[in-house]
């Protein structure tokens, strides 16, 4: 058994992106266009169904499991993970894994694929739990309205039934996946409301070089009255800002991926210099130009919202009791 908070996460949207990709492929095929994917195995288009139970039969996930060693839930089903007071069953894990494999998404290896599936299922449990605490739920009317749109896109009930079979879903499984996706969207919208308002921002400029000694020399030249913009044009390896005097424009702290650099930049008073500051890119000479609370540029909102959502989700992972019962 592993009791861990994993540092590497996987997107909870991945399963639903997979679902929509498959639906689009079926719709293209149904309209007489190209087949779903020239690289897709023929078995993908002829997934068998057990006529007695109307249960789609997915390929068995090729994972060596000692199922006898797995703990059981209250109904006697083997479980592969426990997330606070919720569980992920072996059946759910295996069927989700089979869907990923069926669409032939590229992963570094099978271990990475299995980790992606487990990460997706665990994250969904965490988001569902947070939604309950926030009194966020998806009504049956909301679900049916969304589902009706997909059925219409598929050309009606017959086309929809075909899609479910080809992609390894029962009607109940698809409805649950759709409910999960809508829950994620609601939670994301709530968590990321902050990007619609004003956030602390800094306007700064920098000179980026690879050599620390050169950075120190440039800093000394600026401090002695040298022209920052001219030195940036001469030395900076940041091609996006060197010809603009090193000006980075306005940005939030969350846009900087290096926390050390972010701490330095956002601690500077306007006009102040700092450096050399080391980051993964090299050595920076930084000067703050302006600071204050400002509306977020609309073009930046989607990316910034993802940063806030990832941070929130990481906080859930770090504060939760997560137990894994499978070796990935």
Protein backbone atom coordinates (compact mmCIF):
# COMPACT_ATOMS: atom_id res chain seq x y z
CA UNK A 1 0.00 0.00 0.00
CA UNK A 2 1.19 3.52 -0.78
CA UNK A 3 0.04 6.54 1.19
CA UNK A 4 1.35 9.50 -0.76
CA UNK A 5 0.62 12.95 -2.07
CA UNK A 6 2.03 12.79 -5.59
CA UNK A 7 3.98 15.70 -6.95
CA UNK A 8 3.01 14.94 -10.56
CA UNK A 9 -0.60 15.57 -11.53
CA UNK A 10 -2.68 14.74 -14.56
CA UNK A 11 -5.54 16.76 -15.98
CA UNK A 12 -9.01 15.80 -14.82
CA UNK A 13 -10.21 17.03 -18.21
CA UNK A 14 -8.28 14.34 -20.04
CA UNK A 15 -10.96 11.66 -19.88
CA UNK A 16 -13.61 14.04 -21.21
CA UNK A 17 -11.32 15.37 -23.93
CA UNK A 18 -10.86 11.74 -24.94
CA UNK A 19 -14.62 11.33 -24.99
CA UNK A 20 -15.23 14.40 -27.18
CA UNK A 21 -12.45 13.39 -29.58
CA UNK A 22 -14.11 10.03 -30.07
CA UNK A 23 -17.54 11.59 -30.56
CA UNK A 24 -16.22 13.98 -33.23
CA UNK A 25 -14.59 11.07 -35.03
CA UNK A 26 -17.85 9.12 -35.12
CA UNK A 27 -19.76 12.14 -36.40
CA UNK A 28 -17.27 12.63 -39.24
CA UNK A 29 -17.59 8.98 -40.16
CA UNK A 30 -21.38 9.09 -39.99
CA UNK A 31 -21.43 12.03 -42.40
CA UNK A 32 -19.42 10.12 -44.99
CA UNK A 33 -16.13 11.84 -44.20
CA UNK A 34 -12.80 10.39 -43.21
CA UNK A 35 -12.66 7.44 -40.83
CA UNK A 36 -12.13 8.29 -37.14
CA UNK A 37 -8.36 7.92 -37.33
CA UNK A 38 -6.24 6.27 -39.96
CA UNK A 39 -4.04 4.90 -37.20
CA UNK A 40 -6.87 3.43 -35.15
CA UNK A 41 -6.96 -0.34 -34.88
CA UNK A 42 -9.94 -1.90 -36.63
CA UNK A 43 -11.02 -3.40 -33.32
CA UNK A 44 -11.80 0.12 -32.12
CA UNK A 45 -14.69 0.25 -34.56
CA UNK A 46 -16.11 -3.11 -33.65
CA UNK A 47 -16.10 -3.29 -29.89
CA UNK A 48 -18.17 -6.36 -28.94
CA UNK A 49 -21.28 -6.21 -26.79
CA UNK A 50 -22.69 -8.87 -24.51
CA UNK A 51 -26.19 -9.28 -25.92
CA UNK A 52 -27.50 -10.64 -22.64
CA UNK A 53 -26.54 -7.63 -20.56
CA UNK A 54 -26.11 -4.88 -23.20
CA UNK A 55 -22.77 -4.29 -21.51
CA UNK A 56 -19.95 -3.09 -23.74
CA UNK A 57 -16.98 -5.44 -23.53
CA UNK A 58 -13.76 -3.46 -23.42
CA UNK A 59 -10.33 -4.97 -23.96
CA UNK A 60 -8.84 -6.13 -20.69
CA UNK A 61 -6.25 -3.73 -19.32
CA UNK A 62 -2.89 -5.44 -19.50
CA UNK A 63 -1.84 -4.90 -15.90
CA UNK A 64 -0.56 -7.76 -13.78
CA UNK A 65 -2.72 -7.56 -10.68
CA UNK A 66 -2.92 -9.57 -7.53
CA UNK A 67 -6.60 -8.79 -7.05
CA UNK A 68 -6.79 -11.01 -4.00
CA UNK A 69 -4.54 -8.53 -2.20
CA UNK A 70 -6.73 -5.53 -2.97
CA UNK A 71 -9.02 -4.18 -0.23
CA UNK A 72 -12.77 -4.28 -0.83
CA UNK A 73 -15.42 -1.61 -0.64
CA UNK A 74 -18.71 -1.98 1.21
CA UNK A 75 -20.26 -3.97 -1.65
CA UNK A 76 -17.33 -6.36 -1.90
CA UNK A 77 -15.75 -4.72 -4.98
CA UNK A 78 -11.92 -4.53 -5.13
CA UNK A 79 -10.61 -0.97 -4.87
CA UNK A 80 -7.39 0.50 -6.26
CA UNK A 81 -7.37 3.81 -4.38
CA UNK A 82 -8.98 5.55 -1.45
CA UNK A 83 -9.44 9.33 -1.51
CA UNK A 84 -10.45 10.56 1.93
CA UNK A 85 -13.80 8.78 2.39
CA UNK A 86 -14.28 7.86 -1.31
CA UNK A 87 -12.86 4.96 -3.31
CA UNK A 88 -11.83 4.12 -6.88
CA UNK A 89 -12.84 0.60 -7.82
CA UNK A 90 -10.76 -1.82 -9.82
CA UNK A 91 -13.53 -2.10 -12.42
CA UNK A 92 -13.69 1.67 -12.95
CA UNK A 93 -9.91 1.88 -13.23
CA UNK A 94 -9.68 -0.98 -15.74
CA UNK A 95 -12.52 0.28 -17.95
CA UNK A 96 -11.11 3.81 -17.99
CA UNK A 97 -7.64 2.47 -18.78
CA UNK A 98 -9.07 0.45 -21.66
CA UNK A 99 -10.71 3.58 -23.13
CA UNK A 100 -7.43 5.44 -23.02
CA UNK A 101 -5.69 2.56 -24.78
CA UNK A 102 -8.48 2.27 -27.34
CA UNK A 103 -7.87 5.83 -28.55
CA UNK A 104 -4.11 5.26 -28.78
CA UNK A 105 -3.08 8.42 -26.97
CA UNK A 106 0.68 8.74 -26.81
CA UNK A 107 2.40 8.28 -23.47
CA UNK A 108 6.07 7.71 -22.73
CA UNK A 109 5.28 4.17 -21.64
CA UNK A 110 2.50 2.05 -20.19
CA UNK A 111 3.45 3.09 -16.68
CA UNK A 112 2.82 6.73 -17.59
CA UNK A 113 -0.54 5.78 -19.10
CA UNK A 114 -1.61 3.94 -15.96
CA UNK A 115 -0.47 6.85 -13.79
CA UNK A 116 -2.50 9.26 -15.94
CA UNK A 117 -5.63 7.17 -15.50
CA UNK A 118 -5.15 6.84 -11.75
CA UNK A 119 -4.38 10.54 -11.41
CA UNK A 120 -7.50 11.50 -13.36
CA UNK A 121 -9.78 9.32 -11.23
CA UNK A 122 -8.27 10.48 -7.94
CA UNK A 123 -8.47 14.15 -8.90
CA UNK A 124 -12.10 13.73 -9.90
CA UNK A 125 -12.90 12.33 -6.44
CA UNK A 126 -11.23 15.34 -4.83
CA UNK A 127 -13.15 17.80 -6.99
CA UNK A 128 -16.43 16.00 -6.32
CA UNK A 129 -15.78 16.23 -2.58
CA UNK A 130 -14.97 19.93 -2.82
CA UNK A 131 -18.14 20.51 -4.85
CA UNK A 132 -20.25 18.94 -2.10
CA UNK A 133 -18.63 21.23 0.47
CA UNK A 134 -19.42 24.23 -1.75
CA UNK A 135 -23.02 23.07 -2.37
CA UNK A 136 -22.30 22.73 -6.08
CA UNK A 137 -24.22 20.00 -7.88
CA UNK A 138 -25.36 19.15 -11.39
CA UNK A 139 -29.11 18.71 -11.61
CA UNK A 140 -30.70 16.02 -13.73
CA UNK A 141 -32.15 18.78 -15.91
CA UNK A 142 -28.67 20.20 -16.52
CA UNK A 143 -27.34 16.76 -17.31
CA UNK A 144 -30.20 15.83 -19.63
CA UNK A 145 -29.94 19.12 -21.49
CA UNK A 146 -26.24 18.58 -22.12
CA UNK A 147 -26.77 14.95 -23.07
CA UNK A 148 -29.51 15.85 -25.53
CA UNK A 149 -27.09 18.07 -27.41
CA UNK A 150 -24.66 15.16 -27.86
CA UNK A 151 -27.40 12.81 -28.97
CA UNK A 152 -28.55 15.37 -31.53
CA UNK A 153 -24.99 15.79 -32.82
CA UNK A 154 -24.74 12.02 -33.22
CA UNK A 155 -27.81 12.03 -35.46
CA UNK A 156 -30.28 10.66 -32.94
CA UNK A 157 -30.60 7.72 -30.59
CA UNK A 158 -29.30 5.14 -33.08
CA UNK A 159 -26.12 7.05 -33.80
CA UNK A 160 -25.68 7.75 -30.12
CA UNK A 161 -26.04 4.10 -29.19
CA UNK A 162 -23.42 3.26 -31.81
CA UNK A 163 -21.03 5.79 -30.34
CA UNK A 164 -21.48 4.40 -26.82
CA UNK A 165 -20.74 0.89 -28.01
CA UNK A 166 -17.70 1.88 -30.04
CA UNK A 167 -16.20 3.79 -27.14
CA UNK A 168 -16.90 1.37 -24.34
CA UNK A 169 -19.58 3.25 -22.42
CA UNK A 170 -22.82 2.13 -20.95
CA UNK A 171 -25.42 4.89 -20.80
CA UNK A 172 -24.94 5.14 -17.04
CA UNK A 173 -21.14 5.41 -17.37
CA UNK A 174 -21.39 8.17 -19.92
CA UNK A 175 -23.87 10.11 -17.82
CA UNK A 176 -21.51 9.86 -14.86
CA UNK A 177 -18.55 11.02 -16.97
CA UNK A 178 -20.59 13.94 -18.26
CA UNK A 179 -21.69 14.84 -14.73
CA UNK A 180 -18.04 14.75 -13.63
CA UNK A 181 -17.04 17.09 -16.45
CA UNK A 182 -19.78 19.57 -15.66
CA UNK A 183 -18.81 19.48 -11.98
CA UNK A 184 -15.19 20.24 -12.88
CA UNK A 185 -16.33 23.17 -15.01
CA UNK A 186 -18.48 24.60 -12.21
CA UNK A 187 -15.67 24.29 -9.67
CA UNK A 188 -13.15 25.76 -12.11
CA UNK A 189 -15.40 28.76 -12.74
CA UNK A 190 -15.78 29.37 -9.02
CA UNK A 191 -12.10 28.91 -8.15
CA UNK A 192 -10.91 31.16 -10.99
CA UNK A 193 -13.32 34.07 -10.51
CA UNK A 194 -10.33 35.99 -9.22
CA UNK A 195 -8.97 36.47 -12.76
CA UNK A 196 -12.03 38.55 -13.67
CA UNK A 197 -11.09 41.20 -11.13
CA UNK A 198 -7.96 43.16 -10.31
CA UNK A 199 -4.76 41.44 -9.23
CA UNK A 200 -1.41 42.78 -7.98
CA UNK A 201 0.85 43.29 -10.99
CA UNK A 202 4.28 44.61 -11.79
CA UNK A 203 5.70 46.19 -14.91
CA UNK A 204 9.40 45.37 -15.12
CA UNK A 205 12.28 45.02 -17.52
CA UNK A 206 15.20 42.63 -17.53
CA UNK A 207 18.43 41.63 -19.21
CA UNK A 208 18.93 37.88 -19.47
CA UNK A 209 22.34 36.31 -20.04
CA UNK A 210 23.83 32.86 -19.58
CA UNK A 211 26.99 33.85 -17.70
CA UNK A 212 26.85 35.05 -14.08
CA UNK A 213 30.05 37.08 -14.39
CA UNK A 214 28.63 38.92 -17.42
CA UNK A 215 25.39 39.56 -15.50
CA UNK A 216 27.35 41.08 -12.62
CA UNK A 217 29.30 43.28 -15.04
CA UNK A 218 26.09 44.50 -16.71
CA UNK A 219 24.51 45.24 -13.33
CA UNK A 220 27.55 47.34 -12.38
CA UNK A 221 27.28 49.25 -15.67
CA UNK A 222 23.58 50.00 -15.08
CA UNK A 223 24.26 51.09 -11.50
CA UNK A 224 26.98 53.41 -12.82
CA UNK A 225 24.45 55.11 -15.12
CA UNK A 226 24.60 52.87 -18.16
CA UNK A 227 21.61 52.77 -20.54
CA UNK A 228 19.51 49.75 -19.51
CA UNK A 229 17.69 49.57 -22.85
CA UNK A 230 20.90 49.72 -24.85
CA UNK A 231 22.54 47.05 -22.70
CA UNK A 232 19.46 44.85 -23.12
CA UNK A 233 19.64 45.22 -26.90
CA UNK A 234 23.35 44.39 -26.83
CA UNK A 235 23.44 41.47 -24.39
CA UNK A 236 20.02 40.00 -23.57
CA UNK A 237 19.23 36.56 -24.96
CA UNK A 238 15.49 37.11 -24.43
CA UNK A 239 14.46 37.63 -28.04
CA UNK A 240 10.94 38.74 -27.10
CA UNK A 241 12.04 41.76 -25.06
CA UNK A 242 15.64 42.73 -25.96
CA UNK A 243 14.61 45.07 -28.77
CA UNK A 244 12.06 46.72 -26.48
CA UNK A 245 14.60 47.72 -23.87
CA UNK A 246 13.98 44.49 -21.96
CA UNK A 247 10.44 45.65 -21.09
CA UNK A 248 8.27 42.71 -20.02
CA UNK A 249 5.07 44.73 -19.69
CA UNK A 250 2.59 44.17 -16.88
CA UNK A 251 2.33 40.69 -15.34
CA UNK A 252 1.05 38.90 -12.26
CA UNK A 253 3.19 36.86 -9.91
CA UNK A 254 1.46 33.69 -11.10
CA UNK A 255 2.80 34.21 -14.63
CA UNK A 256 6.38 33.69 -13.46
CA UNK A 257 7.28 30.02 -13.28
CA UNK A 258 10.40 30.59 -11.17
CA UNK A 259 9.43 31.40 -7.57
CA UNK A 260 12.84 32.86 -6.69
CA UNK A 261 12.62 35.32 -9.58
CA UNK A 262 8.99 36.12 -8.73
CA UNK A 263 9.88 36.86 -5.09
CA UNK A 264 12.64 39.27 -6.16
CA UNK A 265 10.59 41.08 -8.79
CA UNK A 266 7.52 41.58 -6.62
CA UNK A 267 9.61 42.80 -3.68
CA UNK A 268 11.25 45.60 -5.68
CA UNK A 269 10.07 49.19 -5.42
CA UNK A 270 9.63 51.02 -8.76
CA UNK A 271 13.00 52.07 -10.07
CA UNK A 272 14.97 49.59 -7.97
CA UNK A 273 17.42 47.10 -9.49
CA UNK A 274 18.25 43.50 -8.55
CA UNK A 275 20.58 40.82 -9.82
CA UNK A 276 22.08 38.66 -10.89
CA UNK A 277 19.01 36.47 -10.20
CA UNK A 278 19.43 32.89 -11.31
CA UNK A 279 16.58 31.00 -12.98
CA UNK A 280 16.32 27.99 -15.26
CA UNK A 281 16.82 30.38 -18.20
CA UNK A 282 20.04 31.98 -16.98
CA UNK A 283 20.89 35.11 -14.99
CA UNK A 284 18.61 38.15 -14.84
CA UNK A 285 19.23 41.82 -14.18
CA UNK A 286 15.79 43.11 -13.19
CA UNK A 287 14.39 46.59 -12.74
CA UNK A 288 10.89 47.33 -11.48
CA UNK A 289 9.15 50.09 -13.42
CA UNK A 290 5.63 50.24 -11.97
CA UNK A 291 3.43 48.23 -9.62
CA UNK A 292 -0.22 48.18 -8.57
CA UNK A 293 -3.51 46.31 -8.77
CA UNK A 294 -4.84 46.11 -12.30
CA UNK A 295 -7.42 44.17 -14.32
CA UNK A 296 -5.99 41.03 -15.93
CA UNK A 297 -5.50 41.30 -19.66
CA UNK A 298 -8.33 39.33 -21.28
CA UNK A 299 -5.93 37.35 -23.47
CA UNK A 300 -4.09 36.14 -20.36
CA UNK A 301 -7.15 35.03 -18.42
CA UNK A 302 -7.43 31.42 -19.67
CA UNK A 303 -3.80 30.59 -18.91
CA UNK A 304 -3.89 32.41 -15.58
CA UNK A 305 -7.14 30.69 -14.64
CA UNK A 306 -5.44 27.33 -15.24
CA UNK A 307 -2.63 28.35 -12.89
CA UNK A 308 -5.10 29.23 -10.13
CA UNK A 309 -7.07 26.03 -10.70
CA UNK A 310 -3.92 23.88 -10.62
CA UNK A 311 -2.80 25.58 -7.42
CA UNK A 312 -6.19 24.94 -5.84
CA UNK A 313 -6.19 21.31 -6.94
CA UNK A 314 -2.64 20.83 -5.64
CA UNK A 315 -3.79 22.17 -2.28
CA UNK A 316 -6.53 19.52 -2.21
CA UNK A 317 -4.01 16.80 -3.01
CA UNK A 318 -1.59 17.97 -0.33
CA UNK A 319 -4.26 18.18 2.37
CA UNK A 320 -6.02 14.89 1.58
CA UNK A 321 -5.49 11.31 2.69
CA UNK A 322 -4.86 9.42 -0.55
CA UNK A 323 -4.01 5.73 -0.54
CA UNK A 324 -2.95 3.80 -3.65
CA UNK A 325 -3.16 0.02 -3.76
CA UNK A 326 -1.66 -0.60 -7.21
CA UNK A 327 1.94 -0.31 -8.31
CA UNK A 328 2.13 2.12 -11.26
